[in-house]
Amino acid sequence: MADLNSKAVFIRARSDEHKEERLSQIKEATAELFANCPYSEITLTTIAEKLGWSRANLYKYVTTKEEIFLEISAEKMAAYYGSLLSAFPEGNNFTPDVITEVWAGIVNANQDYMRYVSYLNPVIETNVTVERLAIFKKKYYDLAYTFRDRLAQMLGTSQDTAYKIQLDVLFYASSNAVCCYKNPLVQEALKQINITPPPMDFYKNMKDFIKMRLAWKE
């Protein structure tokens, strides 16, 4: 693939295969921007510049940046739940301590996805078509309910309880992944008032939370 920063000549994709290639380029450029920039600073213009395209050419494939973020979120979501289902095979007899350690490790390895989760409900899902959102929600519930059923068997609890547990873990992880202490502006503000926040250990925080949540199942 050509360097995303290069000003390559744009050739509109004609076949479905080429359109998928273009969309992959768009998602890759957007993900790279999000890894280094606040969400608010990313626009269709900055994405087009990253690709070396004009904004008009980008509009041939997407209408809003939220459409792109929704597609990226879907891919990262599938990777997260796929890892959970692989790590916790059907019929396993893992102890709560093992479940805690493995789950915390998977969440830690998917911190990037957790950043996307933090923007899903309040931002990303508010500016896409209902058709796109329905497709995304179908993927989410298929994956989440499959893991819910697996978790219910592992913990010997109800499906409703298992779903609440996995949702609590997801939301706690997403809030930690975008902790305000990581914001350069917040860091500078704290420096001005001589405040040193407590150190954050994402993996340990998740391990402690999951252990507590599994102990308090109901």
C-alpha atoms as a PDB file:
ATOM      1  CA  MET A   1       0.000   0.000   0.000  1.00  0.00           C
ATOM      2  CA  ALA A   2       1.197   3.455  -0.824  1.00  0.00           C
ATOM      3  CA  ASP A   3       2.281   5.777   1.949  1.00  0.00           C
ATOM      4  CA  LEU A   4      -0.870   7.332   3.395  1.00  0.00           C
ATOM      5  CA  ASN A   5       0.878  10.686   3.523  1.00  0.00           C
ATOM      6  CA  SER A   6       1.843  10.682  -0.134  1.00  0.00           C
ATOM      7  CA  LYS A   7      -0.019  12.820  -2.651  1.00  0.00           C
ATOM      8  CA  ALA A   8      -0.787   9.900  -4.933  1.00  0.00           C
ATOM      9  CA  VAL A   9      -3.073  10.453  -7.883  1.00  0.00           C
ATOM     10  CA  PHE A  10      -6.611   9.517  -6.862  1.00  0.00           C
ATOM     11  CA  ILE A  11      -8.312   6.990  -9.113  1.00  0.00           C
ATOM     12  CA  ARG A  12     -11.916   6.286  -8.261  1.00  0.00           C
ATOM     13  CA  ALA A  13     -12.621   2.649  -7.480  1.00  0.00           C
ATOM     14  CA  ARG A  14     -14.912   0.985  -9.992  1.00  0.00           C
ATOM     15  CA  SER A  15     -15.282  -2.602  -8.773  1.00  0.00           C
ATOM     16  CA  ASP A  16     -16.525  -3.759  -5.357  1.00  0.00           C
ATOM     17  CA  GLU A  17     -13.054  -5.125  -4.646  1.00  0.00           C
ATOM     18  CA  HIS A  18     -11.450  -1.753  -5.319  1.00  0.00           C
ATOM     19  CA  LYS A  19     -14.093  -0.004  -3.219  1.00  0.00           C
ATOM     20  CA  GLU A  20     -13.246  -2.288  -0.311  1.00  0.00           C
ATOM     21  CA  GLU A  21      -9.584  -1.436  -0.805  1.00  0.00           C
ATOM     22  CA  ARG A  22     -10.416   2.276  -0.696  1.00  0.00           C
ATOM     23  CA  LEU A  23     -12.472   1.813   2.470  1.00  0.00           C
ATOM     24  CA  SER A  24      -9.608  -0.106   4.067  1.00  0.00           C
ATOM     25  CA  GLN A  25      -7.283   2.794   3.273  1.00  0.00           C
ATOM     26  CA  ILE A  26      -9.764   5.231   4.796  1.00  0.00           C
ATOM     27  CA  LYS A  27     -10.094   3.159   7.975  1.00  0.00           C
ATOM     28  CA  GLU A  28      -6.342   2.749   8.288  1.00  0.00           C
ATOM     29  CA  ALA A  29      -5.733   6.481   7.941  1.00  0.00           C
ATOM     30  CA  THR A  30      -8.462   7.299  10.450  1.00  0.00           C
ATOM     31  CA  ALA A  31      -7.191   4.759  12.985  1.00  0.00           C
ATOM     32  CA  GLU A  32      -3.678   6.202  12.707  1.00  0.00           C
ATOM     33  CA  LEU A  33      -5.021   9.695  13.326  1.00  0.00           C
ATOM     34  CA  PHE A  34      -7.060   8.544  16.329  1.00  0.00           C
ATOM     35  CA  ALA A  35      -4.008   6.869  17.824  1.00  0.00           C
ATOM     36  CA  ASN A  36      -2.279  10.245  17.965  1.00  0.00           C
ATOM     37  CA  CYS A  37      -4.990  12.924  17.993  1.00  0.00           C
ATOM     38  CA  PRO A  38      -8.046  13.753  20.092  1.00  0.00           C
ATOM     39  CA  TYR A  39     -11.325  12.701  18.480  1.00  0.00           C
ATOM     40  CA  SER A  40     -12.450  16.323  18.217  1.00  0.00           C
ATOM     41  CA  GLU A  41      -9.471  17.221  16.025  1.00  0.00           C
ATOM     42  CA  ILE A  42     -10.214  14.537  13.443  1.00  0.00           C
ATOM     43  CA  THR A  43     -12.393  15.669  10.539  1.00  0.00           C
ATOM     44  CA  LEU A  44     -13.058  14.477   7.012  1.00  0.00           C
ATOM     45  CA  THR A  45     -10.580  17.142   5.927  1.00  0.00           C
ATOM     46  CA  THR A  46      -7.766  15.788   8.117  1.00  0.00           C
ATOM     47  CA  ILE A  47      -8.565  12.248   6.982  1.00  0.00           C
ATOM     48  CA  ALA A  48      -8.452  13.323   3.325  1.00  0.00           C
ATOM     49  CA  GLU A  49      -5.133  15.096   3.934  1.00  0.00           C
ATOM     50  CA  LYS A  50      -3.747  11.976   5.603  1.00  0.00           C
ATOM     51  CA  LEU A  51      -4.686   9.972   2.520  1.00  0.00           C
ATOM     52  CA  GLY A  52      -3.455  12.587   0.072  1.00  0.00           C
ATOM     53  CA  TRP A  53      -6.961  12.882  -1.363  1.00  0.00           C
ATOM     54  CA  SER A  54      -9.312  15.803  -1.825  1.00  0.00           C
ATOM     55  CA  ARG A  55     -12.305  15.990   0.482  1.00  0.00           C
ATOM     56  CA  ALA A  56     -14.562  15.600  -2.552  1.00  0.00           C
ATOM     57  CA  ASN A  57     -12.916  12.272  -3.373  1.00  0.00           C
ATOM     58  CA  LEU A  58     -13.343  11.092   0.211  1.00  0.00           C
ATOM     59  CA  TYR A  59     -17.048  11.951  -0.032  1.00  0.00           C
ATOM     60  CA  LYS A  60     -17.383   9.345  -2.775  1.00  0.00           C
ATOM     61  CA  TYR A  61     -17.040   6.680  -0.064  1.00  0.00           C
ATOM     62  CA  VAL A  62     -18.196   8.186   3.243  1.00  0.00           C
ATOM     63  CA  THR A  63     -20.457  11.011   4.376  1.00  0.00           C
ATOM     64  CA  THR A  64     -19.384  11.474   8.007  1.00  0.00           C
ATOM     65  CA  LYS A  65     -16.329  10.601  10.057  1.00  0.00           C
ATOM     66  CA  GLU A  66     -18.625   8.683  12.417  1.00  0.00           C
ATOM     67  CA  GLU A  67     -19.348   6.194   9.621  1.00  0.00           C
ATOM     68  CA  ILE A  68     -15.636   5.430   9.485  1.00  0.00           C
ATOM     69  CA  PHE A  69     -15.299   5.148  13.244  1.00  0.00           C
ATOM     70  CA  LEU A  70     -18.302   2.811  13.360  1.00  0.00           C
ATOM     71  CA  GLU A  71     -16.652   0.484  10.829  1.00  0.00           C
ATOM     72  CA  ILE A  72     -13.365   0.505  12.754  1.00  0.00           C
ATOM     73  CA  SER A  73     -15.242  -0.118  16.003  1.00  0.00           C
ATOM     74  CA  ALA A  74     -16.961  -3.140  14.455  1.00  0.00           C
ATOM     75  CA  GLU A  75     -13.627  -4.677  13.484  1.00  0.00           C
ATOM     76  CA  LYS A  76     -12.061  -4.061  16.883  1.00  0.00           C
ATOM     77  CA  MET A  77     -15.194  -5.334  18.613  1.00  0.00           C
ATOM     78  CA  ALA A  78     -15.020  -8.595  16.670  1.00  0.00           C
ATOM     79  CA  ALA A  79     -11.356  -8.993  17.636  1.00  0.00           C
ATOM     80  CA  TYR A  80     -12.112  -8.406  21.344  1.00  0.00           C
ATOM     81  CA  TYR A  81     -14.998 -10.850  21.575  1.00  0.00           C
ATOM     82  CA  GLY A  82     -13.174 -13.326  19.367  1.00  0.00           C
ATOM     83  CA  SER A  83     -10.275 -13.294  21.828  1.00  0.00           C
ATOM     84  CA  LEU A  84     -12.633 -13.858  24.769  1.00  0.00           C
ATOM     85  CA  LEU A  85     -14.393 -16.776  23.110  1.00  0.00           C
ATOM     86  CA  SER A  86     -11.078 -18.367  22.118  1.00  0.00           C
ATOM     87  CA  ALA A  87      -9.585 -17.934  25.591  1.00  0.00           C
ATOM     88  CA  PHE A  88     -12.684 -19.347  27.298  1.00  0.00           C
ATOM     89  CA  PRO A  89     -13.641 -22.440  25.270  1.00  0.00           C
ATOM     90  CA  GLU A  90     -16.989 -24.170  25.620  1.00  0.00           C
ATOM     91  CA  GLY A  91     -17.203 -26.349  28.730  1.00  0.00           C
ATOM     92  CA  ASN A  92     -14.086 -24.989  30.448  1.00  0.00           C
ATOM     93  CA  ASN A  93     -13.724 -25.312  34.222  1.00  0.00           C
ATOM     94  CA  PHE A  94     -11.635 -22.222  34.885  1.00  0.00           C
ATOM     95  CA  THR A  95     -11.639 -20.846  38.411  1.00  0.00           C
ATOM     96  CA  PRO A  96     -12.684 -17.237  39.067  1.00  0.00           C
ATOM     97  CA  ASP A  97      -9.018 -16.321  39.608  1.00  0.00           C
ATOM     98  CA  VAL A  98      -8.049 -17.727  36.209  1.00  0.00           C
ATOM     99  CA  ILE A  99     -11.014 -16.043  34.534  1.00  0.00           C
ATOM    100  CA  THR A 100     -10.024 -12.751  36.149  1.00  0.00           C
ATOM    101  CA  GLU A 101      -6.406 -12.910  35.029  1.00  0.00           C
ATOM    102  CA  VAL A 102      -7.158 -14.019  31.475  1.00  0.00           C
ATOM    103  CA  TRP A 103      -9.991 -11.531  30.992  1.00  0.00           C
ATOM    104  CA  ALA A 104      -7.926  -8.640  32.352  1.00  0.00           C
ATOM    105  CA  GLY A 105      -5.121  -9.588  29.967  1.00  0.00           C
ATOM    106  CA  ILE A 106      -7.482  -9.574  26.989  1.00  0.00           C
ATOM    107  CA  VAL A 107      -8.951  -6.204  27.973  1.00  0.00           C
ATOM    108  CA  ASN A 108      -5.434  -4.843  28.382  1.00  0.00           C
ATOM    109  CA  ALA A 109      -4.483  -6.090  24.912  1.00  0.00           C
ATOM    110  CA  ASN A 110      -7.588  -4.395  23.499  1.00  0.00           C
ATOM    111  CA  GLN A 111      -7.182  -0.966  25.091  1.00  0.00           C
ATOM    112  CA  ASP A 112      -7.456   0.587  21.645  1.00  0.00           C
ATOM    113  CA  TYR A 113     -10.950  -0.869  21.212  1.00  0.00           C
ATOM    114  CA  MET A 114     -11.916   0.472  24.629  1.00  0.00           C
ATOM    115  CA  ARG A 115     -11.109   4.008  23.444  1.00  0.00           C
ATOM    116  CA  TYR A 116     -13.576   3.547  20.599  1.00  0.00           C
ATOM    117  CA  VAL A 117     -16.218   2.198  23.010  1.00  0.00           C
ATOM    118  CA  SER A 118     -15.981   5.394  25.067  1.00  0.00           C
ATOM    119  CA  TYR A 119     -17.099   7.412  22.018  1.00  0.00           C
ATOM    120  CA  LEU A 120     -19.708   5.001  20.650  1.00  0.00           C
ATOM    121  CA  ASN A 121     -22.903   5.924  22.517  1.00  0.00           C
ATOM    122  CA  PRO A 122     -22.393   9.662  23.023  1.00  0.00           C
ATOM    123  CA  VAL A 123     -20.817  10.521  19.668  1.00  0.00           C
ATOM    124  CA  ILE A 124     -20.279   7.896  16.961  1.00  0.00           C
ATOM    125  CA  GLU A 125     -23.752   6.329  17.054  1.00  0.00           C
ATOM    126  CA  THR A 126     -25.453   9.732  16.864  1.00  0.00           C
ATOM    127  CA  ASN A 127     -24.285  10.633  13.357  1.00  0.00           C
ATOM    128  CA  VAL A 128     -24.709   7.540  11.195  1.00  0.00           C
ATOM    129  CA  THR A 129     -27.684   6.217   9.253  1.00  0.00           C
ATOM    130  CA  VAL A 130     -30.129   3.951  11.046  1.00  0.00           C
ATOM    131  CA  GLU A 131     -29.310   1.235   8.490  1.00  0.00           C
ATOM    132  CA  ARG A 132     -25.598   1.332   9.336  1.00  0.00           C
ATOM    133  CA  LEU A 133     -26.368   1.433  13.038  1.00  0.00           C
ATOM    134  CA  ALA A 134     -28.701  -1.561  12.786  1.00  0.00           C
ATOM    135  CA  ILE A 135     -25.967  -3.605  11.090  1.00  0.00           C
ATOM    136  CA  PHE A 136     -23.481  -2.628  13.793  1.00  0.00           C
ATOM    137  CA  LYS A 137     -25.911  -3.395  16.631  1.00  0.00           C
ATOM    138  CA  LYS A 138     -26.684  -6.808  15.119  1.00  0.00           C
ATOM    139  CA  LYS A 139     -22.963  -7.639  15.122  1.00  0.00           C
ATOM    140  CA  TYR A 140     -22.611  -6.425  18.705  1.00  0.00           C
ATOM    141  CA  TYR A 141     -25.509  -8.439  20.113  1.00  0.00           C
ATOM    142  CA  ASP A 142     -24.497 -11.583  18.222  1.00  0.00           C
ATOM    143  CA  LEU A 143     -21.029 -11.393  19.794  1.00  0.00           C
ATOM    144  CA  ALA A 144     -22.049 -10.105  23.221  1.00  0.00           C
ATOM    145  CA  TYR A 145     -24.815 -12.679  23.655  1.00  0.00           C
ATOM    146  CA  THR A 146     -22.533 -15.515  22.603  1.00  0.00           C
ATOM    147  CA  PHE A 147     -20.021 -14.464  25.247  1.00  0.00           C
ATOM    148  CA  ARG A 148     -22.850 -13.862  27.735  1.00  0.00           C
ATOM    149  CA  ASP A 149     -23.987 -17.464  27.358  1.00  0.00           C
ATOM    150  CA  ARG A 150     -20.427 -18.734  27.723  1.00  0.00           C
ATOM    151  CA  LEU A 151     -19.836 -16.599  30.815  1.00  0.00           C
ATOM    152  CA  ALA A 152     -23.122 -17.711  32.391  1.00  0.00           C
ATOM    153  CA  GLN A 153     -22.017 -21.343  32.068  1.00  0.00           C
ATOM    154  CA  MET A 154     -18.574 -20.573  33.471  1.00  0.00           C
ATOM    155  CA  LEU A 155     -19.940 -18.736  36.502  1.00  0.00           C
ATOM    156  CA  GLY A 156     -23.023 -20.850  37.049  1.00  0.00           C
ATOM    157  CA  THR A 157     -25.257 -17.809  36.877  1.00  0.00           C
ATOM    158  CA  SER A 158     -28.115 -16.441  34.783  1.00  0.00           C
ATOM    159  CA  GLN A 159     -27.772 -14.945  31.324  1.00  0.00           C
ATOM    160  CA  ASP A 160     -28.964 -11.573  32.606  1.00  0.00           C
ATOM    161  CA  THR A 161     -26.331 -11.504  35.347  1.00  0.00           C
ATOM    162  CA  ALA A 162     -23.583 -12.608  32.957  1.00  0.00           C
ATOM    163  CA  TYR A 163     -24.555  -9.893  30.472  1.00  0.00           C
ATOM    164  CA  LYS A 164     -24.464  -7.215  33.173  1.00  0.00           C
ATOM    165  CA  ILE A 165     -21.020  -8.395  34.261  1.00  0.00           C
ATOM    166  CA  GLN A 166     -19.538  -8.258  30.761  1.00  0.00           C
ATOM    167  CA  LEU A 167     -21.156  -4.854  30.199  1.00  0.00           C
ATOM    168  CA  ASP A 168     -19.771  -3.480  33.475  1.00  0.00           C
ATOM    169  CA  VAL A 169     -16.291  -4.668  32.515  1.00  0.00           C
ATOM    170  CA  LEU A 170     -16.628  -3.066  29.076  1.00  0.00           C
ATOM    171  CA  PHE A 171     -17.744   0.300  30.438  1.00  0.00           C
ATOM    172  CA  TYR A 172     -15.171   0.374  33.234  1.00  0.00           C
ATOM    173  CA  ALA A 173     -12.412  -0.462  30.756  1.00  0.00           C
ATOM    174  CA  SER A 174     -13.573   2.200  28.290  1.00  0.00           C
ATOM    175  CA  SER A 175     -13.606   4.899  30.974  1.00  0.00           C
ATOM    176  CA  ASN A 176     -10.114   3.914  32.114  1.00  0.00           C
ATOM    177  CA  ALA A 177      -8.821   3.863  28.541  1.00  0.00           C
ATOM    178  CA  VAL A 178      -9.670   7.547  28.117  1.00  0.00           C
ATOM    179  CA  CYS A 179      -8.776   8.626  31.636  1.00  0.00           C
ATOM    180  CA  CYS A 180      -8.465  12.404  31.849  1.00  0.00           C
ATOM    181  CA  TYR A 181      -4.912  12.087  33.189  1.00  0.00           C
ATOM    182  CA  LYS A 182      -3.847  11.044  29.670  1.00  0.00           C
ATOM    183  CA  ASN A 183      -5.068  14.334  28.221  1.00  0.00           C
ATOM    184  CA  PRO A 184      -2.093  16.686  27.606  1.00  0.00           C
ATOM    185  CA  LEU A 185      -4.242  19.696  28.519  1.00  0.00           C
ATOM    186  CA  VAL A 186      -5.205  18.116  31.854  1.00  0.00           C
ATOM    187  CA  GLN A 187      -1.576  17.186  32.496  1.00  0.00           C
ATOM    188  CA  GLU A 188      -0.514  20.796  31.951  1.00  0.00           C
ATOM    189  CA  ALA A 189      -3.323  22.095  34.175  1.00  0.00           C
ATOM    190  CA  LEU A 190      -2.334  19.746  36.999  1.00  0.00           C
ATOM    191  CA  LYS A 191       1.281  20.796  36.620  1.00  0.00           C
ATOM    192  CA  GLN A 192       0.291  24.439  37.078  1.00  0.00           C
ATOM    193  CA  ILE A 193      -1.429  23.676  40.391  1.00  0.00           C
ATOM    194  CA  ASN A 194       1.294  21.250  41.550  1.00  0.00           C
ATOM    195  CA  ILE A 195      -0.971  18.204  41.640  1.00  0.00           C
ATOM    196  CA  THR A 196       0.500  14.783  40.895  1.00  0.00           C
ATOM    197  CA  PRO A 197      -2.252  12.260  40.136  1.00  0.00           C
ATOM    198  CA  PRO A 198      -1.848   8.682  41.371  1.00  0.00           C
ATOM    199  CA  PRO A 199      -0.106   6.398  38.866  1.00  0.00           C
ATOM    200  CA  MET A 200      -2.406   4.327  36.665  1.00  0.00           C
ATOM    201  CA  ASP A 201      -1.859   0.655  35.910  1.00  0.00           C
ATOM    202  CA  PHE A 202      -4.557  -0.311  33.414  1.00  0.00           C
ATOM    203  CA  TYR A 203      -4.017  -4.065  33.686  1.00  0.00           C
ATOM    204  CA  LYS A 204      -3.998  -4.043  37.492  1.00  0.00           C
ATOM    205  CA  ASN A 205      -7.058  -1.799  37.623  1.00  0.00           C
ATOM    206  CA  MET A 206      -8.944  -4.144  35.317  1.00  0.00           C
ATOM    207  CA  LYS A 207      -7.820  -7.233  37.216  1.00  0.00           C
ATOM    208  CA  ASP A 208      -8.985  -5.736  40.519  1.00  0.00           C
ATOM    209  CA  PHE A 209     -12.311  -4.660  39.025  1.00  0.00           C
ATOM    210  CA  ILE A 210     -13.050  -7.994  37.345  1.00  0.00           C
ATOM    211  CA  LYS A 211     -12.150  -9.884  40.527  1.00  0.00           C
ATOM    212  CA  MET A 212     -14.525  -7.694  42.520  1.00  0.00           C
ATOM    213  CA  ARG A 213     -17.290  -7.955  39.911  1.00  0.00           C
ATOM    214  CA  LEU A 214     -17.092 -11.749  39.723  1.00  0.00           C
ATOM    215  CA  ALA A 215     -17.208 -12.011  43.507  1.00  0.00           C
ATOM    216  CA  TRP A 216     -20.303  -9.797  43.521  1.00  0.00           C
ATOM    217  CA  LYS A 217     -22.206 -11.627  40.814  1.00  0.00           C
ATOM    218  CA  GLU A 218     -25.770 -10.651  41.573  1.00  0.00           C
END
